[in-house]
Amino acid sequence: MATNKTYVKTEIVGSSDKSVSDAIESAIATASRSLRNLEWFEVAEVRGNIRDNKVSNYQVTLKLGLRYEPKA
């Protein structure tokens, strides 16, 4: 029999001076220190800052999916 899963979604914003990928990885690493059962992410927004006509910072809004564990 297949196991059904239920998820809770939460939203976070990661930032990086290096890249969008680094912003994503940093946000997930930080979230994983306080959230359990992280299983997936969705990029909702990408934006950044411009300084001296160059990209100076990347910001990525992520929706995180956490597997729901009901109280026993």
Protein backbone atom coordinates (compact mmCIF):
# COMPACT_ATOMS: atom_id res chain seq x y z
CA MET A 1 0.00 0.00 0.00
CA ALA A 2 1.34 3.45 -0.92
CA THR A 3 2.08 5.90 1.86
CA ASN A 4 0.37 9.27 1.52
CA LYS A 5 2.27 12.33 2.62
CA THR A 6 1.00 15.70 3.78
CA TYR A 7 3.13 18.82 3.66
CA VAL A 8 3.27 22.20 5.35
CA LYS A 9 4.64 25.12 3.31
CA THR A 10 6.63 27.99 4.70
CA GLU A 11 8.35 30.87 2.94
CA ILE A 12 11.87 32.18 3.47
CA VAL A 13 14.20 34.62 1.70
CA GLY A 14 17.87 33.85 1.15
CA SER A 15 20.51 36.28 -0.06
CA SER A 16 24.03 36.08 -1.42
CA ASP A 17 26.67 38.32 -2.92
CA LYS A 18 27.78 35.42 -5.17
CA SER A 19 24.83 33.85 -7.02
CA VAL A 20 21.21 32.76 -7.01
CA SER A 21 22.33 29.18 -6.35
CA ASP A 22 24.35 30.29 -3.34
CA ALA A 23 21.35 32.23 -2.00
CA ILE A 24 19.18 29.09 -2.32
CA GLU A 25 21.73 26.80 -0.68
CA SER A 26 22.40 29.24 2.14
CA ALA A 27 18.69 29.70 2.87
CA ILE A 28 18.07 25.95 2.95
CA ALA A 29 21.11 25.33 5.16
CA THR A 30 19.92 27.98 7.62
CA ALA A 31 16.32 26.72 7.62
CA SER A 32 17.42 23.13 8.16
CA ARG A 33 18.93 24.09 11.52
CA SER A 34 15.47 24.79 12.97
CA LEU A 35 13.00 23.02 10.66
CA ARG A 36 12.56 19.25 10.41
CA ASN A 37 11.49 17.10 7.48
CA LEU A 38 12.44 19.50 4.69
CA GLU A 39 11.69 17.70 1.43
CA TRP A 40 11.39 20.23 -1.40
CA PHE A 41 11.66 23.86 -2.39
CA GLU A 42 10.09 26.13 -4.98
CA VAL A 43 11.63 29.40 -6.16
CA ALA A 44 8.86 32.00 -5.91
CA GLU A 45 10.85 35.17 -6.66
CA VAL A 46 14.31 36.22 -7.70
CA ARG A 47 15.45 39.78 -7.23
CA GLY A 48 18.60 41.65 -6.37
CA ASN A 49 20.40 44.89 -5.79
CA ILE A 50 22.43 46.91 -8.26
CA ARG A 51 25.42 48.98 -7.22
CA ASP A 52 27.72 50.82 -9.65
CA ASN A 53 25.83 49.27 -12.58
CA LYS A 54 26.60 45.71 -11.40
CA VAL A 55 24.68 43.09 -9.48
CA SER A 56 25.71 43.46 -5.85
CA ASN A 57 23.33 41.02 -4.16
CA TYR A 58 20.86 38.27 -5.07
CA GLN A 59 17.67 37.62 -3.09
CA VAL A 60 15.60 34.49 -3.61
CA THR A 61 12.20 33.85 -2.05
CA LEU A 62 11.68 30.13 -1.48
CA LYS A 63 8.65 28.12 -0.55
CA LEU A 64 9.78 25.13 1.50
CA GLY A 65 7.81 21.91 1.80
CA LEU A 66 8.03 20.17 5.16
CA ARG A 67 6.56 16.73 5.63
CA TYR A 68 3.79 17.05 8.23
CA GLU A 69 4.07 14.87 11.32
CA PRO A 70 0.86 14.83 13.33
CA LYS A 71 1.15 14.50 17.10
CA ALA A 72 0.94 10.89 18.19
